[in-house]
Amino acid sequence: MMGLRTVHGMVTVVDPKERELRLKETEAQFCRVCCTEATRILGENGEGLPLEELQAGDIVKAEVVEEGGRLHIQRLVLLRPAWRLLESFEG
């Protein structure tokens, strides 16, 4: 087991059935992260969120631990929801 590391990126896929997210860290780098029973997902104001409320385009920060070749999310914070980016173009 490796130590805790932080991953910043844009959500590209949410798979509630598998409890996984795919994040785009850079133009060429993606990673798959997994939720566990202990995963805490927080909204912009610190409120708890269910995994199902995350969507493609959301900007997040995830604290992850690598176990068994997979990245397990300890804590995920929604930094900017996808709708906010779209809203800024309309105004």
C-alpha atoms as a PDB file:
ATOM      1  CA  MET A   1       0.000   0.000   0.000  1.00  0.00           C
ATOM      2  CA  MET A   2       1.342   3.403  -0.966  1.00  0.00           C
ATOM      3  CA  GLY A   3       0.696   6.718   0.779  1.00  0.00           C
ATOM      4  CA  LEU A   4      -2.077   9.167   0.191  1.00  0.00           C
ATOM      5  CA  ARG A   5      -1.829  11.290  -2.943  1.00  0.00           C
ATOM      6  CA  THR A   6      -4.027  13.960  -4.469  1.00  0.00           C
ATOM      7  CA  VAL A   7      -5.474  13.804  -7.976  1.00  0.00           C
ATOM      8  CA  HIS A   8      -7.051  16.892  -9.603  1.00  0.00           C
ATOM      9  CA  GLY A   9      -9.089  16.537 -12.744  1.00  0.00           C
ATOM     10  CA  MET A  10     -12.293  16.667 -14.725  1.00  0.00           C
ATOM     11  CA  VAL A  11     -14.780  13.825 -14.414  1.00  0.00           C
ATOM     12  CA  THR A  12     -15.264  12.132 -17.798  1.00  0.00           C
ATOM     13  CA  VAL A  13     -17.232   9.034 -16.713  1.00  0.00           C
ATOM     14  CA  VAL A  14     -19.330   8.222 -13.634  1.00  0.00           C
ATOM     15  CA  ASP A  15     -20.177   4.534 -13.158  1.00  0.00           C
ATOM     16  CA  PRO A  16     -22.386   4.216 -10.036  1.00  0.00           C
ATOM     17  CA  LYS A  17     -22.847   0.459 -10.565  1.00  0.00           C
ATOM     18  CA  GLU A  18     -19.093  -0.182 -10.400  1.00  0.00           C
ATOM     19  CA  ARG A  19     -18.598   2.748  -7.984  1.00  0.00           C
ATOM     20  CA  GLU A  20     -15.903   4.191 -10.249  1.00  0.00           C
ATOM     21  CA  LEU A  21     -15.005   7.524 -11.820  1.00  0.00           C
ATOM     22  CA  ARG A  22     -12.694   8.279 -14.693  1.00  0.00           C
ATOM     23  CA  LEU A  23     -10.778  11.535 -14.343  1.00  0.00           C
ATOM     24  CA  LYS A  24      -8.902  13.547 -16.958  1.00  0.00           C
ATOM     25  CA  GLU A  25      -5.821  14.912 -15.186  1.00  0.00           C
ATOM     26  CA  THR A  26      -4.152  16.489 -18.251  1.00  0.00           C
ATOM     27  CA  GLU A  27      -4.748  16.510 -22.009  1.00  0.00           C
ATOM     28  CA  ALA A  28      -3.109  13.094 -22.313  1.00  0.00           C
ATOM     29  CA  GLN A  29      -3.464  11.583 -18.833  1.00  0.00           C
ATOM     30  CA  PHE A  30      -6.541   9.845 -17.451  1.00  0.00           C
ATOM     31  CA  CYS A  31      -7.011   7.747 -14.334  1.00  0.00           C
ATOM     32  CA  ARG A  32      -9.728   5.501 -12.949  1.00  0.00           C
ATOM     33  CA  VAL A  33     -10.587   5.900  -9.266  1.00  0.00           C
ATOM     34  CA  CYS A  34     -12.831   3.702  -7.127  1.00  0.00           C
ATOM     35  CA  CYS A  35     -15.172   4.516  -4.259  1.00  0.00           C
ATOM     36  CA  THR A  36     -15.271   2.335  -1.144  1.00  0.00           C
ATOM     37  CA  GLU A  37     -17.667   2.252   1.791  1.00  0.00           C
ATOM     38  CA  ALA A  38     -15.342   4.730   3.555  1.00  0.00           C
ATOM     39  CA  THR A  39     -15.226   7.243   0.653  1.00  0.00           C
ATOM     40  CA  ARG A  40     -16.450  10.731   1.543  1.00  0.00           C
ATOM     41  CA  ILE A  41     -17.772  12.841  -1.349  1.00  0.00           C
ATOM     42  CA  LEU A  42     -18.246  16.522  -0.573  1.00  0.00           C
ATOM     43  CA  GLY A  43     -19.935  19.291  -2.530  1.00  0.00           C
ATOM     44  CA  GLU A  44     -18.684  22.845  -2.969  1.00  0.00           C
ATOM     45  CA  ASN A  45     -20.076  23.898   0.417  1.00  0.00           C
ATOM     46  CA  GLY A  46     -18.831  20.841   2.298  1.00  0.00           C
ATOM     47  CA  GLU A  47     -22.152  18.995   2.167  1.00  0.00           C
ATOM     48  CA  GLY A  48     -22.149  15.244   1.586  1.00  0.00           C
ATOM     49  CA  LEU A  49     -23.024  14.115  -1.946  1.00  0.00           C
ATOM     50  CA  PRO A  50     -23.974  10.712  -3.347  1.00  0.00           C
ATOM     51  CA  LEU A  51     -21.775   9.411  -6.164  1.00  0.00           C
ATOM     52  CA  GLU A  52     -24.774   9.573  -8.518  1.00  0.00           C
ATOM     53  CA  GLU A  53     -24.833  13.379  -8.312  1.00  0.00           C
ATOM     54  CA  LEU A  54     -21.387  13.699  -9.907  1.00  0.00           C
ATOM     55  CA  GLN A  55     -21.389  14.122 -13.680  1.00  0.00           C
ATOM     56  CA  ALA A  56     -19.054  14.420 -16.643  1.00  0.00           C
ATOM     57  CA  GLY A  57     -17.482  17.864 -16.733  1.00  0.00           C
ATOM     58  CA  ASP A  58     -17.292  18.314 -12.947  1.00  0.00           C
ATOM     59  CA  ILE A  59     -13.892  19.484 -11.678  1.00  0.00           C
ATOM     60  CA  VAL A  60     -12.819  17.515  -8.590  1.00  0.00           C
ATOM     61  CA  LYS A  61      -9.962  16.923  -6.197  1.00  0.00           C
ATOM     62  CA  ALA A  62      -9.582  13.362  -4.910  1.00  0.00           C
ATOM     63  CA  GLU A  63      -7.364  12.071  -2.136  1.00  0.00           C
ATOM     64  CA  VAL A  64      -6.540   8.501  -3.140  1.00  0.00           C
ATOM     65  CA  VAL A  65      -4.589   5.497  -1.887  1.00  0.00           C
ATOM     66  CA  GLU A  66      -3.292   2.806  -4.231  1.00  0.00           C
ATOM     67  CA  GLU A  67      -4.251  -0.708  -3.161  1.00  0.00           C
ATOM     68  CA  GLY A  68      -4.019  -3.800  -5.317  1.00  0.00           C
ATOM     69  CA  GLY A  69      -3.218  -1.749  -8.418  1.00  0.00           C
ATOM     70  CA  ARG A  70      -6.350   0.400  -8.042  1.00  0.00           C
ATOM     71  CA  LEU A  71      -6.767   3.958  -6.795  1.00  0.00           C
ATOM     72  CA  HIS A  72      -9.269   4.060  -3.913  1.00  0.00           C
ATOM     73  CA  ILE A  73     -10.816   7.424  -3.042  1.00  0.00           C
ATOM     74  CA  GLN A  74     -10.609   8.405   0.612  1.00  0.00           C
ATOM     75  CA  ARG A  75     -12.115  11.875   0.091  1.00  0.00           C
ATOM     76  CA  LEU A  76     -13.385  13.630  -3.036  1.00  0.00           C
ATOM     77  CA  VAL A  77     -14.287  17.323  -3.194  1.00  0.00           C
ATOM     78  CA  LEU A  78     -16.355  18.854  -5.996  1.00  0.00           C
ATOM     79  CA  LEU A  79     -14.453  22.049  -6.848  1.00  0.00           C
ATOM     80  CA  ARG A  80     -16.651  23.240  -9.727  1.00  0.00           C
ATOM     81  CA  PRO A  81     -19.751  21.525 -11.113  1.00  0.00           C
ATOM     82  CA  ALA A  82     -20.064  21.181 -14.886  1.00  0.00           C
ATOM     83  CA  TRP A  83     -23.229  23.308 -14.966  1.00  0.00           C
ATOM     84  CA  ARG A  84     -21.328  26.317 -13.597  1.00  0.00           C
ATOM     85  CA  LEU A  85     -18.968  26.344 -16.605  1.00  0.00           C
ATOM     86  CA  LEU A  86     -21.929  26.200 -19.002  1.00  0.00           C
ATOM     87  CA  GLU A  87     -23.764  28.887 -17.061  1.00  0.00           C
ATOM     88  CA  SER A  88     -20.833  31.310 -17.409  1.00  0.00           C
ATOM     89  CA  PHE A  89     -21.056  31.122 -21.229  1.00  0.00           C
ATOM     90  CA  GLU A  90     -24.748  32.011 -21.249  1.00  0.00           C
ATOM     91  CA  GLY A  91     -24.369  35.265 -19.337  1.00  0.00           C
END
